[in-house]
C-alpha cells in the first residue's frame, strides 16, 4: 500500500512540474514553485494547487 501511495505522489509531482513549466509565470516563480513541490511533495502540491499559477484562488 505504501508503494502505491508513493507512486501516486511521484506521479502528481511530475504532473505539477510539467504544468508549472508550461505556465505563464515568470522564470523565478516557476523555479520557486518547482523547488517547493520537490522539497515538500504533499504539502507543496496542496499549496501549489491552491495558490500556484492558474489556481482558482489566485485570480
C-alpha atoms as a PDB file:
ATOM      1  CA  UNK A   1       0.000   0.000   0.000  1.00  0.00           C
ATOM      2  CA  UNK A   2       2.834   2.407   0.826  1.00  0.00           C
ATOM      3  CA  UNK A   3       4.428   1.794  -2.582  1.00  0.00           C
ATOM      4  CA  UNK A   4       1.196   2.685  -4.344  1.00  0.00           C
ATOM      5  CA  UNK A   5       0.852   5.928  -2.382  1.00  0.00           C
ATOM      6  CA  UNK A   6       4.475   6.785  -3.143  1.00  0.00           C
ATOM      7  CA  UNK A   7       3.911   6.223  -6.856  1.00  0.00           C
ATOM      8  CA  UNK A   8       0.771   8.363  -6.783  1.00  0.00           C
ATOM      9  CA  UNK A   9       2.632  11.210  -5.075  1.00  0.00           C
ATOM     10  CA  UNK A  10       5.511  10.861  -7.544  1.00  0.00           C
ATOM     11  CA  UNK A  11       3.118  10.982 -10.495  1.00  0.00           C
ATOM     12  CA  UNK A  12       1.403  14.076  -9.058  1.00  0.00           C
ATOM     13  CA  UNK A  13       4.762  15.796  -8.502  1.00  0.00           C
ATOM     14  CA  UNK A  14       5.834  15.110 -12.089  1.00  0.00           C
ATOM     15  CA  UNK A  15       2.444  16.327 -13.357  1.00  0.00           C
ATOM     16  CA  UNK A  16       2.719  19.506 -11.264  1.00  0.00           C
ATOM     17  CA  UNK A  17       6.250  20.198 -12.516  1.00  0.00           C
ATOM     18  CA  UNK A  18       5.105  19.868 -16.128  1.00  0.00           C
ATOM     19  CA  UNK A  19       2.168  22.229 -15.528  1.00  0.00           C
ATOM     20  CA  UNK A  20       4.386  24.715 -13.690  1.00  0.00           C
ATOM     21  CA  UNK A  21       6.935  24.659 -16.514  1.00  0.00           C
ATOM     22  CA  UNK A  22       4.176  25.307 -19.090  1.00  0.00           C
ATOM     23  CA  UNK A  23       2.553  28.099 -17.083  1.00  0.00           C
ATOM     24  CA  UNK A  24       2.812  31.756 -17.939  1.00  0.00           C
ATOM     25  CA  UNK A  25       4.583  32.584 -14.681  1.00  0.00           C
ATOM     26  CA  UNK A  26       7.995  34.214 -14.674  1.00  0.00           C
ATOM     27  CA  UNK A  27      11.092  32.016 -14.605  1.00  0.00           C
ATOM     28  CA  UNK A  28      11.779  32.888 -10.978  1.00  0.00           C
ATOM     29  CA  UNK A  29       8.270  31.961  -9.904  1.00  0.00           C
ATOM     30  CA  UNK A  30       8.476  28.685 -11.813  1.00  0.00           C
ATOM     31  CA  UNK A  31      11.746  27.779 -10.096  1.00  0.00           C
ATOM     32  CA  UNK A  32      10.347  28.592  -6.656  1.00  0.00           C
ATOM     33  CA  UNK A  33       7.200  26.510  -7.252  1.00  0.00           C
ATOM     34  CA  UNK A  34       9.190  23.562  -8.573  1.00  0.00           C
ATOM     35  CA  UNK A  35      11.573  23.686  -5.593  1.00  0.00           C
ATOM     36  CA  UNK A  36       8.611  23.814  -3.194  1.00  0.00           C
ATOM     37  CA  UNK A  37       6.880  20.856  -4.849  1.00  0.00           C
ATOM     38  CA  UNK A  38      10.092  18.789  -4.939  1.00  0.00           C
ATOM     39  CA  UNK A  39      11.214  19.523  -1.363  1.00  0.00           C
ATOM     40  CA  UNK A  40       7.766  19.215   0.247  1.00  0.00           C
ATOM     41  CA  UNK A  41       5.852  16.893  -2.092  1.00  0.00           C
ATOM     42  CA  UNK A  42       2.495  16.558  -0.352  1.00  0.00           C
ATOM     43  CA  UNK A  43       2.347  19.999   1.271  1.00  0.00           C
ATOM     44  CA  UNK A  44       3.907  21.607  -1.793  1.00  0.00           C
ATOM     45  CA  UNK A  45       1.272  20.063  -4.060  1.00  0.00           C
ATOM     46  CA  UNK A  46      -1.519  21.336  -1.844  1.00  0.00           C
ATOM     47  CA  UNK A  47      -0.080  24.856  -1.674  1.00  0.00           C
ATOM     48  CA  UNK A  48       0.582  24.861  -5.425  1.00  0.00           C
ATOM     49  CA  UNK A  49      -2.965  23.690  -6.181  1.00  0.00           C
ATOM     50  CA  UNK A  50      -4.398  26.475  -4.040  1.00  0.00           C
ATOM     51  CA  UNK A  51      -2.042  29.359  -4.806  1.00  0.00           C
ATOM     52  CA  UNK A  52       0.097  28.430  -7.821  1.00  0.00           C
ATOM     53  CA  UNK A  53      -0.097  29.713 -11.378  1.00  0.00           C
ATOM     54  CA  UNK A  54      -3.554  29.080 -12.813  1.00  0.00           C
ATOM     55  CA  UNK A  55      -5.142  28.220  -9.495  1.00  0.00           C
ATOM     56  CA  UNK A  56      -8.694  29.403  -8.879  1.00  0.00           C
ATOM     57  CA  UNK A  57      -7.759  31.260  -5.664  1.00  0.00           C
ATOM     58  CA  UNK A  58      -5.003  33.357  -7.241  1.00  0.00           C
ATOM     59  CA  UNK A  59      -7.250  35.284  -9.648  1.00  0.00           C
END
